[in-house]
Amino acid sequence: MEQMAIHTNCSGCSTCRLVCAIENFMEVNSAKSLLNIEERFPAPGDYHIHICDHCGACAEVCPVEAIQMVNGA
């Protein structure tokens, strides 16, 4: 089940996507990530994070705590 999160503190760095791919597929390939960062322009810094409800590795590495584990997901 995919969830969408709107976080004003997300910088769009995609570190979470890279860690997700490494954690789940053992590949350094963010295209295989189970989450997506949607850039909403023209407003700079407006990102919508589409996340899965799996392992939470992305939440652990987000440098600005834009992704959080809630009830184990």
PDB file of N, CA and C in Angstrom:
ATOM      1  N   MET A   1       0.842  -1.182   0.000  1.00  0.00           N
ATOM      2  CA  MET A   1       0.000   0.000   0.000  1.00  0.00           C
ATOM      3  C   MET A   1       0.882   1.238   0.000  1.00  0.00           C
ATOM      4  N   GLU A   2       0.651   2.122  -0.927  1.00  0.00           N
ATOM      5  CA  GLU A   2       1.460   3.326  -1.028  1.00  0.00           C
ATOM      6  C   GLU A   2       0.814   4.456  -0.250  1.00  0.00           C
ATOM      7  N   GLN A   3       1.637   5.224   0.446  1.00  0.00           N
ATOM      8  CA  GLN A   3       1.174   6.379   1.182  1.00  0.00           C
ATOM      9  C   GLN A   3       1.844   7.599   0.594  1.00  0.00           C
ATOM     10  N   MET A   4       1.173   8.748   0.679  1.00  0.00           N
ATOM     11  CA  MET A   4       1.796   9.979   0.227  1.00  0.00           C
ATOM     12  C   MET A   4       1.982  10.871   1.431  1.00  0.00           C
ATOM     13  N   ALA A   5       3.176  11.410   1.582  1.00  0.00           N
ATOM     14  CA  ALA A   5       3.468  12.314   2.680  1.00  0.00           C
ATOM     15  C   ALA A   5       3.868  13.661   2.104  1.00  0.00           C
ATOM     16  N   ILE A   6       3.417  14.716   2.734  1.00  0.00           N
ATOM     17  CA  ILE A   6       3.806  16.059   2.330  1.00  0.00           C
ATOM     18  C   ILE A   6       4.637  16.627   3.464  1.00  0.00           C
ATOM     19  N   HIS A   7       5.882  16.868   3.197  1.00  0.00           N
ATOM     20  CA  HIS A   7       6.777  17.354   4.237  1.00  0.00           C
ATOM     21  C   HIS A   7       7.473  18.619   3.786  1.00  0.00           C
ATOM     22  N   THR A   8       7.315  19.663   4.554  1.00  0.00           N
ATOM     23  CA  THR A   8       7.946  20.929   4.208  1.00  0.00           C
ATOM     24  C   THR A   8       9.449  20.887   4.429  1.00  0.00           C
ATOM     25  N   ASN A   9       9.937  19.935   5.220  1.00  0.00           N
ATOM     26  CA  ASN A   9      11.375  19.870   5.476  1.00  0.00           C
ATOM     27  C   ASN A   9      12.123  18.960   4.503  1.00  0.00           C
ATOM     28  N   CYS A  10      11.441  18.360   3.540  1.00  0.00           N
ATOM     29  CA  CYS A  10      12.121  17.539   2.540  1.00  0.00           C
ATOM     30  C   CYS A  10      12.861  18.447   1.563  1.00  0.00           C
ATOM     31  N   SER A  11      14.137  18.148   1.348  1.00  0.00           N
ATOM     32  CA  SER A  11      14.951  18.952   0.428  1.00  0.00           C
ATOM     33  C   SER A  11      15.063  18.310  -0.951  1.00  0.00           C
ATOM     34  N   GLY A  12      14.502  17.114  -1.117  1.00  0.00           N
ATOM     35  CA  GLY A  12      14.576  16.424  -2.400  1.00  0.00           C
ATOM     36  C   GLY A  12      15.921  15.790  -2.673  1.00  0.00           C
ATOM     37  N   CYS A  13      16.701  15.512  -1.649  1.00  0.00           N
ATOM     38  CA  CYS A  13      18.063  14.994  -1.832  1.00  0.00           C
ATOM     39  C   CYS A  13      18.101  13.558  -2.359  1.00  0.00           C
ATOM     40  N   SER A  14      17.044  12.790  -2.167  1.00  0.00           N
ATOM     41  CA  SER A  14      16.909  11.401  -2.644  1.00  0.00           C
ATOM     42  C   SER A  14      17.811  10.400  -1.936  1.00  0.00           C
ATOM     43  N   THR A  15      18.384  10.765  -0.806  1.00  0.00           N
ATOM     44  CA  THR A  15      19.170   9.805  -0.026  1.00  0.00           C
ATOM     45  C   THR A  15      18.299   8.623   0.373  1.00  0.00           C
ATOM     46  N   CYS A  16      17.061   8.899   0.724  1.00  0.00           N
ATOM     47  CA  CYS A  16      16.138   7.841   1.128  1.00  0.00           C
ATOM     48  C   CYS A  16      15.916   6.834   0.001  1.00  0.00           C
ATOM     49  N   ARG A  17      15.821   7.317  -1.233  1.00  0.00           N
ATOM     50  CA  ARG A  17      15.606   6.433  -2.388  1.00  0.00           C
ATOM     51  C   ARG A  17      16.798   5.508  -2.598  1.00  0.00           C
ATOM     52  N   LEU A  18      17.989   6.048  -2.451  1.00  0.00           N
ATOM     53  CA  LEU A  18      19.196   5.248  -2.644  1.00  0.00           C
ATOM     54  C   LEU A  18      19.302   4.172  -1.565  1.00  0.00           C
ATOM     55  N   VAL A  19      19.070   4.542  -0.326  1.00  0.00           N
ATOM     56  CA  VAL A  19      19.154   3.570   0.770  1.00  0.00           C
ATOM     57  C   VAL A  19      18.074   2.505   0.623  1.00  0.00           C
ATOM     58  N   CYS A  20      16.892   2.894   0.175  1.00  0.00           N
ATOM     59  CA  CYS A  20      15.820   1.919  -0.044  1.00  0.00           C
ATOM     60  C   CYS A  20      16.259   0.866  -1.065  1.00  0.00           C
ATOM     61  N   ALA A  21      16.853   1.301  -2.172  1.00  0.00           N
ATOM     62  CA  ALA A  21      17.305   0.364  -3.208  1.00  0.00           C
ATOM     63  C   ALA A  21      18.409  -0.551  -2.692  1.00  0.00           C
ATOM     64  N   ILE A  22      19.317   0.013  -1.913  1.00  0.00           N
ATOM     65  CA  ILE A  22      20.405  -0.797  -1.362  1.00  0.00           C
ATOM     66  C   ILE A  22      19.853  -1.806  -0.362  1.00  0.00           C
ATOM     67  N   GLU A  23      18.981  -1.343   0.538  1.00  0.00           N
ATOM     68  CA  GLU A  23      18.423  -2.190   1.601  1.00  0.00           C
ATOM     69  C   GLU A  23      17.545  -3.312   1.035  1.00  0.00           C
ATOM     70  N   ASN A  24      16.729  -3.001   0.041  1.00  0.00           N
ATOM     71  CA  ASN A  24      15.762  -3.978  -0.458  1.00  0.00           C
ATOM     72  C   ASN A  24      16.235  -4.799  -1.647  1.00  0.00           C
ATOM     73  N   PHE A  25      17.140  -4.243  -2.450  1.00  0.00           N
ATOM     74  CA  PHE A  25      17.567  -4.938  -3.660  1.00  0.00           C
ATOM     75  C   PHE A  25      19.077  -5.145  -3.755  1.00  0.00           C
ATOM     76  N   MET A  26      19.807  -4.648  -2.744  1.00  0.00           N
ATOM     77  CA  MET A  26      21.260  -4.751  -2.690  1.00  0.00           C
ATOM     78  C   MET A  26      21.906  -4.200  -3.959  1.00  0.00           C
ATOM     79  N   GLU A  27      21.346  -3.097  -4.459  1.00  0.00           N
ATOM     80  CA  GLU A  27      21.877  -2.429  -5.643  1.00  0.00           C
ATOM     81  C   GLU A  27      21.941  -0.932  -5.392  1.00  0.00           C
ATOM     82  N   VAL A  28      23.003  -0.300  -5.884  1.00  0.00           N
ATOM     83  CA  VAL A  28      23.124   1.154  -5.810  1.00  0.00           C
ATOM     84  C   VAL A  28      22.419   1.709  -7.048  1.00  0.00           C
ATOM     85  N   ASN A  29      21.088   1.710  -6.984  1.00  0.00           N
ATOM     86  CA  ASN A  29      20.275   2.120  -8.117  1.00  0.00           C
ATOM     87  C   ASN A  29      18.964   2.677  -7.576  1.00  0.00           C
ATOM     88  N   SER A  30      18.883   3.997  -7.434  1.00  0.00           N
ATOM     89  CA  SER A  30      17.696   4.602  -6.839  1.00  0.00           C
ATOM     90  C   SER A  30      16.436   4.387  -7.676  1.00  0.00           C
ATOM     91  N   ALA A  31      16.572   4.002  -8.926  1.00  0.00           N
ATOM     92  CA  ALA A  31      15.408   3.713  -9.762  1.00  0.00           C
ATOM     93  C   ALA A  31      14.640   2.502  -9.249  1.00  0.00           C
ATOM     94  N   LYS A  32      15.289   1.640  -8.486  1.00  0.00           N
ATOM     95  CA  LYS A  32      14.627   0.463  -7.933  1.00  0.00           C
ATOM     96  C   LYS A  32      13.970   0.741  -6.586  1.00  0.00           C
ATOM     97  N   SER A  33      14.044   1.964  -6.129  1.00  0.00           N
ATOM     98  CA  SER A  33      13.490   2.343  -4.834  1.00  0.00           C
ATOM     99  C   SER A  33      11.994   2.089  -4.768  1.00  0.00           C
ATOM    100  N   LEU A  34      11.511   1.799  -3.569  1.00  0.00           N
ATOM    101  CA  LEU A  34      10.088   1.587  -3.347  1.00  0.00           C
ATOM    102  C   LEU A  34       9.376   2.877  -2.951  1.00  0.00           C
ATOM    103  N   LEU A  35      10.072   4.003  -3.058  1.00  0.00           N
ATOM    104  CA  LEU A  35       9.437   5.284  -2.805  1.00  0.00           C
ATOM    105  C   LEU A  35       9.832   6.264  -3.883  1.00  0.00           C
ATOM    106  N   ASN A  36       9.069   7.340  -3.969  1.00  0.00           N
ATOM    107  CA  ASN A  36       9.302   8.325  -5.005  1.00  0.00           C
ATOM    108  C   ASN A  36       9.128   9.714  -4.418  1.00  0.00           C
ATOM    109  N   ILE A  37       9.939  10.653  -4.879  1.00  0.00           N
ATOM    110  CA  ILE A  37       9.826  12.042  -4.450  1.00  0.00           C
ATOM    111  C   ILE A  37       9.286  12.827  -5.638  1.00  0.00           C
ATOM    112  N   GLU A  38       8.089  13.359  -5.473  1.00  0.00           N
ATOM    113  CA  GLU A  38       7.450  14.131  -6.534  1.00  0.00           C
ATOM    114  C   GLU A  38       7.754  15.608  -6.312  1.00  0.00           C
ATOM    115  N   GLU A  39       8.414  16.213  -7.287  1.00  0.00           N
ATOM    116  CA  GLU A  39       8.755  17.631  -7.204  1.00  0.00           C
ATOM    117  C   GLU A  39       7.568  18.432  -7.706  1.00  0.00           C
ATOM    118  N   ARG A  40       7.074  19.318  -6.876  1.00  0.00           N
ATOM    119  CA  ARG A  40       5.903  20.119  -7.230  1.00  0.00           C
ATOM    120  C   ARG A  40       6.351  21.544  -7.519  1.00  0.00           C
ATOM    121  N   PHE A  41       6.428  21.882  -8.771  1.00  0.00           N
ATOM    122  CA  PHE A  41       6.882  23.213  -9.153  1.00  0.00           C
ATOM    123  C   PHE A  41       5.718  24.000  -9.734  1.00  0.00           C
ATOM    124  N   PRO A  42       5.745  25.314  -9.717  1.00  0.00           N
ATOM    125  CA  PRO A  42       6.906  26.189  -9.629  1.00  0.00           C
ATOM    126  C   PRO A  42       7.352  26.518  -8.212  1.00  0.00           C
ATOM    127  N   ALA A  43       6.620  26.117  -7.195  1.00  0.00           N
ATOM    128  CA  ALA A  43       7.013  26.443  -5.821  1.00  0.00           C
ATOM    129  C   ALA A  43       8.287  25.689  -5.465  1.00  0.00           C
ATOM    130  N   PRO A  44       9.402  26.385  -5.242  1.00  0.00           N
ATOM    131  CA  PRO A  44      10.654  25.692  -4.887  1.00  0.00           C
ATOM    132  C   PRO A  44      10.548  25.021  -3.519  1.00  0.00           C
ATOM    133  N   GLY A  45      11.082  23.845  -3.433  1.00  0.00           N
ATOM    134  CA  GLY A  45      11.094  23.125  -2.170  1.00  0.00           C
ATOM    135  C   GLY A  45       9.778  22.476  -1.801  1.00  0.00           C
ATOM    136  N   ASP A  46       8.863  22.338  -2.742  1.00  0.00           N
ATOM    137  CA  ASP A  46       7.581  21.692  -2.476  1.00  0.00           C
ATOM    138  C   ASP A  46       7.649  20.269  -3.006  1.00  0.00           C
ATOM    139  N   TYR A  47       7.809  19.323  -2.101  1.00  0.00           N
ATOM    140  CA  TYR A  47       7.961  17.921  -2.485  1.00  0.00           C
ATOM    141  C   TYR A  47       6.874  17.079  -1.834  1.00  0.00           C
ATOM    142  N   HIS A  48       6.352  16.124  -2.578  1.00  0.00           N
ATOM    143  CA  HIS A  48       5.429  15.134  -2.051  1.00  0.00           C
ATOM    144  C   HIS A  48       6.173  13.807  -2.076  1.00  0.00           C
ATOM    145  N   ILE A  49       6.224  13.125  -0.949  1.00  0.00           N
ATOM    146  CA  ILE A  49       6.949  11.870  -0.844  1.00  0.00           C
ATOM    147  C   ILE A  49       5.952  10.721  -0.886  1.00  0.00           C
ATOM    148  N   HIS A  50       6.066   9.887  -1.903  1.00  0.00           N
ATOM    149  CA  HIS A  50       5.234   8.696  -2.007  1.00  0.00           C
ATOM    150  C   HIS A  50       6.058   7.555  -1.414  1.00  0.00           C
ATOM    151  N   ILE A  51       5.580   7.000  -0.320  1.00  0.00           N
ATOM    152  CA  ILE A  51       6.357   5.985   0.385  1.00  0.00           C
ATOM    153  C   ILE A  51       5.586   4.673   0.469  1.00  0.00           C
ATOM    154  N   CYS A  52       6.334   3.607   0.608  1.00  0.00           N
ATOM    155  CA  CYS A  52       5.724   2.304   0.812  1.00  0.00           C
ATOM    156  C   CYS A  52       5.546   2.102   2.318  1.00  0.00           C
ATOM    157  N   ASP A  53       5.054   0.969   2.719  1.00  0.00           N
ATOM    158  CA  ASP A  53       4.877   0.694   4.146  1.00  0.00           C
ATOM    159  C   ASP A  53       5.715  -0.530   4.552  1.00  0.00           C
ATOM    160  N   HIS A  54       6.984  -0.501   4.122  1.00  0.00           N
ATOM    161  CA  HIS A  54       7.834  -1.663   4.331  1.00  0.00           C
ATOM    162  C   HIS A  54       8.853  -1.475   5.453  1.00  0.00           C
ATOM    163  N   CYS A  55      10.113  -1.464   5.147  1.00  0.00           N
ATOM    164  CA  CYS A  55      11.180  -1.628   6.124  1.00  0.00           C
ATOM    165  C   CYS A  55      11.523  -0.402   6.970  1.00  0.00           C
ATOM    166  N   GLY A  56      11.366   0.803   6.452  1.00  0.00           N
ATOM    167  CA  GLY A  56      11.692   2.009   7.209  1.00  0.00           C
ATOM    168  C   GLY A  56      13.133   2.459   7.117  1.00  0.00           C
ATOM    169  N   ALA A  57      13.943   1.809   6.267  1.00  0.00           N
ATOM    170  CA  ALA A  57      15.347   2.203   6.128  1.00  0.00           C
ATOM    171  C   ALA A  57      15.460   3.635   5.636  1.00  0.00           C
ATOM    172  N   CYS A  58      14.520   4.077   4.793  1.00  0.00           N
ATOM    173  CA  CYS A  58      14.558   5.445   4.279  1.00  0.00           C
ATOM    174  C   CYS A  58      14.361   6.453   5.407  1.00  0.00           C
ATOM    175  N   ALA A  59      13.488   6.147   6.360  1.00  0.00           N
ATOM    176  CA  ALA A  59      13.238   7.053   7.481  1.00  0.00           C
ATOM    177  C   ALA A  59      14.476   7.186   8.357  1.00  0.00           C
ATOM    178  N   GLU A  60      15.217   6.107   8.502  1.00  0.00           N
ATOM    179  CA  GLU A  60      16.415   6.129   9.339  1.00  0.00           C
ATOM    180  C   GLU A  60      17.514   7.014   8.773  1.00  0.00           C
ATOM    181  N   VAL A  61      17.595   7.171   7.465  1.00  0.00           N
ATOM    182  CA  VAL A  61      18.698   7.917   6.861  1.00  0.00           C
ATOM    183  C   VAL A  61      18.331   9.320   6.395  1.00  0.00           C
ATOM    184  N   CYS A  62      17.068   9.698   6.450  1.00  0.00           N
ATOM    185  CA  CYS A  62      16.666  11.028   5.983  1.00  0.00           C
ATOM    186  C   CYS A  62      17.348  12.088   6.839  1.00  0.00           C
ATOM    187  N   PRO A  63      18.169  12.954   6.226  1.00  0.00           N
ATOM    188  CA  PRO A  63      18.946  13.917   7.006  1.00  0.00           C
ATOM    189  C   PRO A  63      18.106  15.019   7.652  1.00  0.00           C
ATOM    190  N   VAL A  64      16.859  15.192   7.209  1.00  0.00           N
ATOM    191  CA  VAL A  64      16.022  16.254   7.780  1.00  0.00           C
ATOM    192  C   VAL A  64      14.751  15.694   8.429  1.00  0.00           C
ATOM    193  N   GLU A  65      14.704  14.377   8.629  1.00  0.00           N
ATOM    194  CA  GLU A  65      13.575  13.691   9.262  1.00  0.00           C
ATOM    195  C   GLU A  65      12.256  13.982   8.561  1.00  0.00           C
ATOM    196  N   ALA A  66      12.279  14.018   7.230  1.00  0.00           N
ATOM    197  CA  ALA A  66      11.063  14.242   6.452  1.00  0.00           C
ATOM    198  C   ALA A  66      10.193  13.001   6.390  1.00  0.00           C
ATOM    199  N   ILE A  67      10.792  11.815   6.602  1.00  0.00           N
ATOM    200  CA  ILE A  67      10.051  10.553   6.582  1.00  0.00           C
ATOM    201  C   ILE A  67      10.125   9.957   7.989  1.00  0.00           C
ATOM    202  N   GLN A  68       8.990   9.521   8.495  1.00  0.00           N
ATOM    203  CA  GLN A  68       8.946   8.962   9.844  1.00  0.00           C
ATOM    204  C   GLN A  68       8.185   7.663   9.849  1.00  0.00           C
ATOM    205  N   MET A  69       8.596   6.760  10.726  1.00  0.00           N
ATOM    206  CA  MET A  69       7.881   5.518  10.925  1.00  0.00           C
ATOM    207  C   MET A  69       6.691   5.807  11.837  1.00  0.00           C
ATOM    208  N   VAL A  70       5.489   5.352  11.414  1.00  0.00           N
ATOM    209  CA  VAL A  70       4.281   5.520  12.207  1.00  0.00           C
ATOM    210  C   VAL A  70       3.596   4.169  12.279  1.00  0.00           C
ATOM    211  N   ASN A  71       3.418   3.663  13.488  1.00  0.00           N
ATOM    212  CA  ASN A  71       2.783   2.355  13.684  1.00  0.00           C
ATOM    213  C   ASN A  71       3.459   1.250  12.889  1.00  0.00           C
ATOM    214  N   GLY A  72       4.778   1.271  12.834  1.00  0.00           N
ATOM    215  CA  GLY A  72       5.542   0.228  12.153  1.00  0.00           C
ATOM    216  C   GLY A  72       5.588   0.348  10.649  1.00  0.00           C
ATOM    217  N   ALA A  73       5.075   1.419  10.101  1.00  0.00           N
ATOM    218  CA  ALA A  73       5.090   1.605   8.633  1.00  0.00           C
ATOM    219  C   ALA A  73       5.634   2.975   8.302  1.00  0.00           C
TER     220      ALA A  73
END
